Amino acid sequence: MNMQRAQEIAASPVMANVTCDGVPVYIQQVFEDNGTARIYPLNSPEQEREVSLASLTEQQTQG
């Protein structure tokens, strides 16, 4: 995922369909200096972690 899109998703009040390793996640914050983001799985908010933006995928909704 590119940095600009990750920042848009993190700042948006609308929930985006983003996954990390196939797991739906919420992007809390994007770190421009090292190209990472702080995320957590939607079903486990206590499992925060920092991952590379390259490991995030936005699933496009159809319709």
C-alpha atoms as a PDB file:
ATOM      1  CA  MET A   1       0.000   0.000   0.000  1.00  0.00           C
ATOM      2  CA  ASN A   2       1.352   3.425  -0.773  1.00  0.00           C
ATOM      3  CA  MET A   3       1.997   5.949   1.980  1.00  0.00           C
ATOM      4  CA  GLN A   4      -0.581   8.508   0.839  1.00  0.00           C
ATOM      5  CA  ARG A   5      -3.421   5.961   0.708  1.00  0.00           C
ATOM      6  CA  ALA A   6      -2.492   4.548   4.115  1.00  0.00           C
ATOM      7  CA  GLN A   7      -2.593   8.063   5.585  1.00  0.00           C
ATOM      8  CA  GLU A   8      -5.992   8.720   3.968  1.00  0.00           C
ATOM      9  CA  ILE A   9      -7.381   5.510   5.459  1.00  0.00           C
ATOM     10  CA  ALA A  10      -5.936   6.245   8.906  1.00  0.00           C
ATOM     11  CA  ALA A  11      -7.442   9.767   8.895  1.00  0.00           C
ATOM     12  CA  SER A  12     -10.829   8.737   7.521  1.00  0.00           C
ATOM     13  CA  PRO A  13     -13.815   8.078   9.795  1.00  0.00           C
ATOM     14  CA  VAL A  14     -14.997   5.515   7.220  1.00  0.00           C
ATOM     15  CA  MET A  15     -13.748   1.988   7.808  1.00  0.00           C
ATOM     16  CA  ALA A  16     -11.682   0.685   4.876  1.00  0.00           C
ATOM     17  CA  ASN A  17     -11.321  -2.983   4.033  1.00  0.00           C
ATOM     18  CA  VAL A  18      -7.586  -3.433   4.731  1.00  0.00           C
ATOM     19  CA  THR A  19      -5.807  -6.701   5.425  1.00  0.00           C
ATOM     20  CA  CYS A  20      -2.368  -7.740   6.629  1.00  0.00           C
ATOM     21  CA  ASP A  21      -1.451 -11.348   5.821  1.00  0.00           C
ATOM     22  CA  GLY A  22      -5.113 -11.987   5.031  1.00  0.00           C
ATOM     23  CA  VAL A  23      -6.328 -10.678   8.415  1.00  0.00           C
ATOM     24  CA  PRO A  24      -8.682  -7.639   8.458  1.00  0.00           C
ATOM     25  CA  VAL A  25      -6.932  -4.792  10.291  1.00  0.00           C
ATOM     26  CA  TYR A  26      -7.435  -1.207  11.421  1.00  0.00           C
ATOM     27  CA  ILE A  27      -4.698   1.341  10.639  1.00  0.00           C
ATOM     28  CA  GLN A  28      -4.107   3.537  13.694  1.00  0.00           C
ATOM     29  CA  GLN A  29      -1.143   5.590  12.560  1.00  0.00           C
ATOM     30  CA  VAL A  30       1.267   5.847   9.618  1.00  0.00           C
ATOM     31  CA  PHE A  31       4.961   6.560  10.147  1.00  0.00           C
ATOM     32  CA  GLU A  32       6.386   8.393   7.124  1.00  0.00           C
ATOM     33  CA  ASP A  33       9.994   8.242   8.302  1.00  0.00           C
ATOM     34  CA  ASN A  34      10.256   4.449   8.047  1.00  0.00           C
ATOM     35  CA  GLY A  35       7.310   3.438   5.825  1.00  0.00           C
ATOM     36  CA  THR A  36       5.417   1.542   8.490  1.00  0.00           C
ATOM     37  CA  ALA A  37       2.018   1.680  10.138  1.00  0.00           C
ATOM     38  CA  ARG A  38       0.661   0.807  13.575  1.00  0.00           C
ATOM     39  CA  ILE A  39      -2.231  -1.608  13.105  1.00  0.00           C
ATOM     40  CA  TYR A  40      -4.357  -4.081  14.991  1.00  0.00           C
ATOM     41  CA  PRO A  41      -6.614  -6.953  13.918  1.00  0.00           C
ATOM     42  CA  LEU A  42     -10.284  -5.951  13.976  1.00  0.00           C
ATOM     43  CA  ASN A  43     -11.120  -8.903  16.225  1.00  0.00           C
ATOM     44  CA  SER A  44      -8.157  -8.332  18.597  1.00  0.00           C
ATOM     45  CA  PRO A  45      -7.610  -4.613  19.306  1.00  0.00           C
ATOM     46  CA  GLU A  46      -5.143  -5.433  22.073  1.00  0.00           C
ATOM     47  CA  GLN A  47      -2.720  -6.969  19.529  1.00  0.00           C
ATOM     48  CA  GLU A  48      -1.222  -3.734  18.211  1.00  0.00           C
ATOM     49  CA  ARG A  49       1.887  -4.004  16.090  1.00  0.00           C
ATOM     50  CA  GLU A  50       3.943  -2.043  13.615  1.00  0.00           C
ATOM     51  CA  VAL A  51       4.204  -3.413  10.080  1.00  0.00           C
ATOM     52  CA  SER A  52       5.617  -2.357   6.734  1.00  0.00           C
ATOM     53  CA  LEU A  53       3.152  -0.564   4.452  1.00  0.00           C
ATOM     54  CA  ALA A  54       4.072  -3.162   1.819  1.00  0.00           C
ATOM     55  CA  SER A  55       2.361  -5.838   3.943  1.00  0.00           C
ATOM     56  CA  LEU A  56      -0.993  -3.996   3.855  1.00  0.00           C
ATOM     57  CA  THR A  57      -3.569  -4.596   1.138  1.00  0.00           C
ATOM     58  CA  GLU A  58      -6.776  -2.702   0.521  1.00  0.00           C
ATOM     59  CA  GLN A  59      -9.576  -4.926  -0.706  1.00  0.00           C
ATOM     60  CA  GLN A  60     -11.690  -3.120  -3.271  1.00  0.00           C
ATOM     61  CA  THR A  61     -15.416  -3.472  -2.779  1.00  0.00           C
ATOM     62  CA  GLN A  62     -17.381  -4.597  -5.793  1.00  0.00           C
ATOM     63  CA  GLY A  63     -20.659  -3.147  -6.877  1.00  0.00           C
END
